C-alpha atoms as a PDB file:
ATOM      1  CA  MET A   1      -5.998   7.622  14.109  1.00  0.00           C
ATOM      2  CA  THR A   2      -5.972   4.057  12.789  1.00  0.00           C
ATOM      3  CA  LEU A   3      -4.969   0.570  13.913  1.00  0.00           C
ATOM      4  CA  GLY A   4      -4.427   2.790  17.427  1.00  0.00           C
ATOM      5  CA  LEU A   5      -2.058   4.966  15.848  1.00  0.00           C
ATOM      6  CA  SER A   6      -1.739   8.737  15.028  1.00  0.00           C
ATOM      7  CA  MET A   7      -1.761   9.393  11.707  1.00  0.00           C
ATOM      8  CA  ALA A   8       2.147  10.211  11.881  1.00  0.00           C
ATOM      9  CA  ALA A   9       2.415   6.919  13.177  1.00  0.00           C
ATOM     10  CA  PHE A  10       0.858   4.723  11.144  1.00  0.00           C
ATOM     11  CA  THR A  11       2.692   6.612   8.165  1.00  0.00           C
ATOM     12  CA  GLN A  12       5.993   5.895   9.404  1.00  0.00           C
ATOM     13  CA  LEU A  13       4.807   2.195   9.872  1.00  0.00           C
ATOM     14  CA  HIS A  14       3.621   2.334   5.908  1.00  0.00           C
ATOM     15  CA  VAL A  15       6.760   3.533   4.838  1.00  0.00           C
ATOM     16  CA  ILE A  16       8.807   1.316   6.597  1.00  0.00           C
ATOM     17  CA  LEU A  17       6.874  -1.611   5.765  1.00  0.00           C
ATOM     18  CA  SER A  18       7.428  -0.299   2.231  1.00  0.00           C
ATOM     19  CA  LEU A  19      11.547   0.363   2.257  1.00  0.00           C
ATOM     20  CA  VAL A  20      11.661  -3.133   3.549  1.00  0.00           C
ATOM     21  CA  GLY A  21       9.431  -4.961   1.105  1.00  0.00           C
ATOM     22  CA  ILE A  22      12.015  -2.892  -1.769  1.00  0.00           C
ATOM     23  CA  ALA A  23      15.288  -4.277   0.262  1.00  0.00           C
ATOM     24  CA  THR A  24      14.158  -7.232   0.326  1.00  0.00           C
ATOM     25  CA  GLY A  25      12.494  -7.633  -3.032  1.00  0.00           C
ATOM     26  CA  PHE A  26      15.730  -7.056  -4.316  1.00  0.00           C
ATOM     27  CA  VAL A  27      17.663  -9.738  -2.080  1.00  0.00           C
ATOM     28  CA  VAL A  28      14.975 -12.160  -3.382  1.00  0.00           C
ATOM     29  CA  VAL A  29      15.084 -11.030  -7.402  1.00  0.00           C
ATOM     30  CA  LEU A  30      18.995 -10.757  -6.849  1.00  0.00           C
ATOM     31  CA  GLY A  31      18.353 -14.409  -5.679  1.00  0.00           C
ATOM     32  CA  LEU A  32      16.610 -16.098  -8.589  1.00  0.00           C
ATOM     33  CA  ILE A  33      19.155 -14.715 -10.770  1.00  0.00           C
ATOM     34  CA  ALA A  34      20.997 -17.013  -8.642  1.00  0.00           C
ATOM     35  CA  ALA A  35      19.073 -19.504  -8.778  1.00  0.00           C
ATOM     36  CA  LYS A  36      18.968 -19.290  -5.422  1.00  0.00           C
ATOM     37  CA  GLN A  37      15.182 -19.709  -3.387  1.00  0.00           C
ATOM     38  CA  MET A  38      16.246 -17.854  -0.161  1.00  0.00           C
ATOM     39  CA  PRO A  39      12.626 -18.663   1.957  1.00  0.00           C
ATOM     40  CA  ARG A  40      13.379 -16.519   4.532  1.00  0.00           C
ATOM     41  CA  TRP A  41      13.676 -13.519   2.265  1.00  0.00           C
ATOM     42  CA  THR A  42      11.013 -14.511   0.766  1.00  0.00           C
ATOM     43  CA  VAL A  43       8.557 -14.748   3.160  1.00  0.00           C
ATOM     44  CA  LEU A  44       9.998 -11.504   4.771  1.00  0.00           C
ATOM     45  CA  PHE A  45       9.462  -9.832   1.005  1.00  0.00           C
ATOM     46  CA  LEU A  46       5.800 -11.536   0.296  1.00  0.00           C
ATOM     47  CA  ILE A  47       4.954 -10.391   3.827  1.00  0.00           C
ATOM     48  CA  THR A  48       5.980  -7.014   4.210  1.00  0.00           C
ATOM     49  CA  THR A  49       4.551  -5.843   0.485  1.00  0.00           C
ATOM     50  CA  ALA A  50       1.356  -7.467   1.169  1.00  0.00           C
ATOM     51  CA  LEU A  51       1.418  -5.140   4.076  1.00  0.00           C
ATOM     52  CA  THR A  52       2.602  -2.411   2.425  1.00  0.00           C
ATOM     53  CA  SER A  53      -0.750  -2.697   0.088  1.00  0.00           C
ATOM     54  CA  ILE A  54      -3.102  -3.657   2.826  1.00  0.00           C
ATOM     55  CA  THR A  55      -1.682  -0.489   5.185  1.00  0.00           C
ATOM     56  CA  GLY A  56      -2.088   1.984   2.193  1.00  0.00           C
ATOM     57  CA  PHE A  57      -5.451   1.048   0.918  1.00  0.00           C
ATOM     58  CA  MET A  58      -5.905   2.215   4.800  1.00  0.00           C
ATOM     59  CA  PHE A  59      -5.115   6.021   4.568  1.00  0.00           C
ATOM     60  CA  PRO A  60      -8.164   8.440   3.482  1.00  0.00           C
ATOM     61  CA  PHE A  61      -8.798   8.507   0.135  1.00  0.00           C
ATOM     62  CA  LYS A  62     -11.766   9.641  -2.121  1.00  0.00           C
ATOM     63  CA  GLY A  63     -12.517   7.841  -5.332  1.00  0.00           C
ATOM     64  CA  VAL A  64     -10.230   5.716  -7.145  1.00  0.00           C
ATOM     65  CA  THR A  65      -7.088   7.012  -7.260  1.00  0.00           C
ATOM     66  CA  PRO A  66      -3.541   5.646  -9.184  1.00  0.00           C
ATOM     67  CA  GLY A  67      -2.338   4.723  -5.533  1.00  0.00           C
ATOM     68  CA  ILE A  68      -5.316   2.347  -5.450  1.00  0.00           C
ATOM     69  CA  VAL A  69      -4.775   0.474  -8.468  1.00  0.00           C
ATOM     70  CA  ILE A  70      -1.434  -0.440  -7.942  1.00  0.00           C
ATOM     71  CA  GLY A  71      -2.259  -1.793  -4.832  1.00  0.00           C
ATOM     72  CA  ILE A  72      -4.452  -3.778  -5.881  1.00  0.00           C
ATOM     73  CA  LEU A  73      -2.887  -5.122  -8.926  1.00  0.00           C
ATOM     74  CA  SER A  74       0.153  -5.872  -6.363  1.00  0.00           C
ATOM     75  CA  ILE A  75      -2.604  -7.821  -4.143  1.00  0.00           C
ATOM     76  CA  ILE A  76      -3.370  -9.652  -6.943  1.00  0.00           C
ATOM     77  CA  THR A  77       0.252 -10.025  -8.191  1.00  0.00           C
ATOM     78  CA  LEU A  78       1.270 -11.141  -4.750  1.00  0.00           C
ATOM     79  CA  LEU A  79      -1.287 -13.810  -4.515  1.00  0.00           C
ATOM     80  CA  LEU A  80      -0.240 -15.513  -7.925  1.00  0.00           C
ATOM     81  CA  ALA A  81       3.304 -15.561  -6.457  1.00  0.00           C
ATOM     82  CA  VAL A  82       2.349 -17.160  -3.807  1.00  0.00           C
ATOM     83  CA  MET A  83      -0.116 -20.002  -5.151  1.00  0.00           C
ATOM     84  CA  ALA A  84       2.416 -20.348  -7.412  1.00  0.00           C
ATOM     85  CA  ARG A  85       5.696 -21.123  -4.715  1.00  0.00           C
ATOM     86  CA  TYR A  86       3.370 -22.604  -1.781  1.00  0.00           C
ATOM     87  CA  GLY A  87       0.138 -24.273  -3.705  1.00  0.00           C
ATOM     88  CA  ARG A  88       1.845 -25.255  -6.616  1.00  0.00           C
ATOM     89  CA  HIS A  89       5.355 -25.836  -5.827  1.00  0.00           C
ATOM     90  CA  LEU A  90       6.880 -24.210  -8.365  1.00  0.00           C
ATOM     91  CA  ALA A  91       5.568 -26.668 -10.429  1.00  0.00           C
ATOM     92  CA  GLY A  92       5.362 -26.830 -14.403  1.00  0.00           C
ATOM     93  CA  PRO A  93       4.430 -23.643 -15.997  1.00  0.00           C
ATOM     94  CA  TRP A  94       4.007 -22.373 -12.224  1.00  0.00           C
ATOM     95  CA  ARG A  95       8.027 -21.801 -11.489  1.00  0.00           C
ATOM     96  CA  GLY A  96       7.453 -18.432 -14.584  1.00  0.00           C
ATOM     97  CA  VAL A  97       4.530 -17.848 -12.635  1.00  0.00           C
ATOM     98  CA  TYR A  98       6.401 -17.002  -9.575  1.00  0.00           C
ATOM     99  CA  VAL A  99       9.085 -15.491 -11.185  1.00  0.00           C
ATOM    100  CA  ILE A 100       6.482 -12.847 -13.458  1.00  0.00           C
ATOM    101  CA  ALA A 101       4.695 -12.199 -10.221  1.00  0.00           C
ATOM    102  CA  THR A 102       7.633 -11.683  -7.599  1.00  0.00           C
ATOM    103  CA  VAL A 103       9.583  -9.086 -10.086  1.00  0.00           C
ATOM    104  CA  LEU A 104       6.012  -7.762 -11.164  1.00  0.00           C
ATOM    105  CA  ALA A 105       5.649  -7.422  -7.068  1.00  0.00           C
ATOM    106  CA  GLN A 106       8.782  -5.793  -7.164  1.00  0.00           C
ATOM    107  CA  PHE A 107       8.230  -3.507  -9.957  1.00  0.00           C
ATOM    108  CA  PHE A 108       5.006  -2.161  -8.063  1.00  0.00           C
ATOM    109  CA  ASN A 109       7.057  -1.382  -5.067  1.00  0.00           C
ATOM    110  CA  PHE A 110       9.187   0.337  -7.002  1.00  0.00           C
ATOM    111  CA  PHE A 111       7.022   2.320  -8.905  1.00  0.00           C
ATOM    112  CA  VAL A 112       5.063   4.104  -6.020  1.00  0.00           C
ATOM    113  CA  LEU A 113       8.951   4.376  -4.143  1.00  0.00           C
ATOM    114  CA  ILE A 114       9.577   6.720  -7.549  1.00  0.00           C
ATOM    115  CA  VAL A 115       6.302   8.202  -7.312  1.00  0.00           C
ATOM    116  CA  GLN A 116       6.453   9.484  -3.465  1.00  0.00           C
ATOM    117  CA  SER A 117      10.480  10.313  -4.042  1.00  0.00           C
ATOM    118  CA  PHE A 118       9.211  12.256  -6.819  1.00  0.00           C
ATOM    119  CA  GLU A 119       6.613  14.179  -4.169  1.00  0.00           C
ATOM    120  CA  LYS A 120       8.193  14.165  -0.940  1.00  0.00           C
ATOM    121  CA  VAL A 121      11.445  15.059  -1.684  1.00  0.00           C
ATOM    122  CA  PRO A 122      12.063  18.409  -2.608  1.00  0.00           C
ATOM    123  CA  ALA A 123      15.152  18.326  -4.672  1.00  0.00           C
ATOM    124  CA  LEU A 124      13.135  15.682  -6.725  1.00  0.00           C
ATOM    125  CA  LYS A 125       9.874  17.778  -6.668  1.00  0.00           C
ATOM    126  CA  ALA A 126      11.846  20.637  -8.039  1.00  0.00           C
ATOM    127  CA  LEU A 127      12.554  18.995 -10.729  1.00  0.00           C
ATOM    128  CA  ALA A 128       9.060  17.458 -11.735  1.00  0.00           C
ATOM    129  CA  PRO A 129       6.755  18.805  -9.680  1.00  0.00           C
ATOM    130  CA  THR A 130       3.151  18.035 -11.715  1.00  0.00           C
ATOM    131  CA  GLN A 131       5.009  14.597 -12.196  1.00  0.00           C
ATOM    132  CA  ALA A 132       4.933  14.933 -16.106  1.00  0.00           C
ATOM    133  CA  GLU A 133       8.130  16.165 -16.755  1.00  0.00           C
ATOM    134  CA  LEU A 134      10.638  14.856 -18.207  1.00  0.00           C
ATOM    135  CA  PRO A 135      12.846  13.419 -14.888  1.00  0.00           C
ATOM    136  CA  PHE A 136      10.016  12.144 -14.035  1.00  0.00           C
ATOM    137  CA  LYS A 137       8.986  10.199 -16.857  1.00  0.00           C
ATOM    138  CA  ALA A 138      13.127   9.241 -17.035  1.00  0.00           C
ATOM    139  CA  ALA A 139      12.947   7.430 -14.048  1.00  0.00           C
ATOM    140  CA  GLN A 140       9.857   5.576 -14.681  1.00  0.00           C
ATOM    141  CA  LEU A 141      11.315   4.895 -17.888  1.00  0.00           C
ATOM    142  CA  ALA A 142      14.031   3.549 -16.450  1.00  0.00           C
ATOM    143  CA  ALA A 143      12.745   1.473 -13.837  1.00  0.00           C
ATOM    144  CA  LEU A 144      10.631  -0.336 -16.042  1.00  0.00           C
ATOM    145  CA  ALA A 145      13.814  -1.000 -18.307  1.00  0.00           C
ATOM    146  CA  LEU A 146      15.769  -2.208 -14.650  1.00  0.00           C
ATOM    147  CA  PHE A 147      12.782  -4.341 -14.255  1.00  0.00           C
ATOM    148  CA  THR A 148      12.286  -6.147 -17.886  1.00  0.00           C
ATOM    149  CA  VAL A 149      16.247  -7.008 -17.689  1.00  0.00           C
ATOM    150  CA  LEU A 150      15.646  -8.796 -14.568  1.00  0.00           C
ATOM    151  CA  THR A 151      12.490 -10.454 -15.345  1.00  0.00           C
ATOM    152  CA  VAL A 152      14.084 -11.830 -18.380  1.00  0.00           C
ATOM    153  CA  LEU A 153      17.097 -12.805 -16.372  1.00  0.00           C
ATOM    154  CA  ALA A 154      15.231 -14.601 -13.232  1.00  0.00           C
ATOM    155  CA  TYR A 155      12.791 -16.096 -15.537  1.00  0.00           C
ATOM    156  CA  ARG A 156      16.171 -17.914 -17.413  1.00  0.00           C
ATOM    157  CA  LYS A 157      17.946 -18.292 -14.801  1.00  0.00           C
ATOM    158  CA  PHE A 158      15.517 -19.424 -11.435  1.00  0.00           C
ATOM    159  CA  HIS A 159      14.769 -23.333 -11.749  1.00  0.00           C
ATOM    160  CA  ALA A 160      13.080 -25.050  -8.718  1.00  0.00           C
ATOM    161  CA  ALA A 161      15.159 -27.709  -7.299  1.00  0.00           C
END
């Protein structure tokens, strides 16, 4: 049991938080590209994404795993985004820090979604059973390319009020 929940219920909570974080993350990133701050969506994204990482640390594990590393990087990135937006109010270079950290946090979420999809969805697992095969690598490369474009667009378009 974790947080008083069965492992199945805890896993479901973690997945729901992750999917809400991913969905709201895309809303926030597209808002940045449209030069909109979207404060409510941003708070929901930041909270659910942080809770996704925090709950991810609560699963039983032995040693350092790629998921743990991504979780740590995500928490650091989220702290930078929160500091830039709420502590430094997007002033000067903090606007850029906020944009890059926000899109990077979304990328980490999406990266894990791809990994988990190839592990858990039978059709995808059949295409890349060890995640060393071309379909998996192509999905990761496509995600990296997409988020690079989103970062550049958001950086160019979003300016603090």
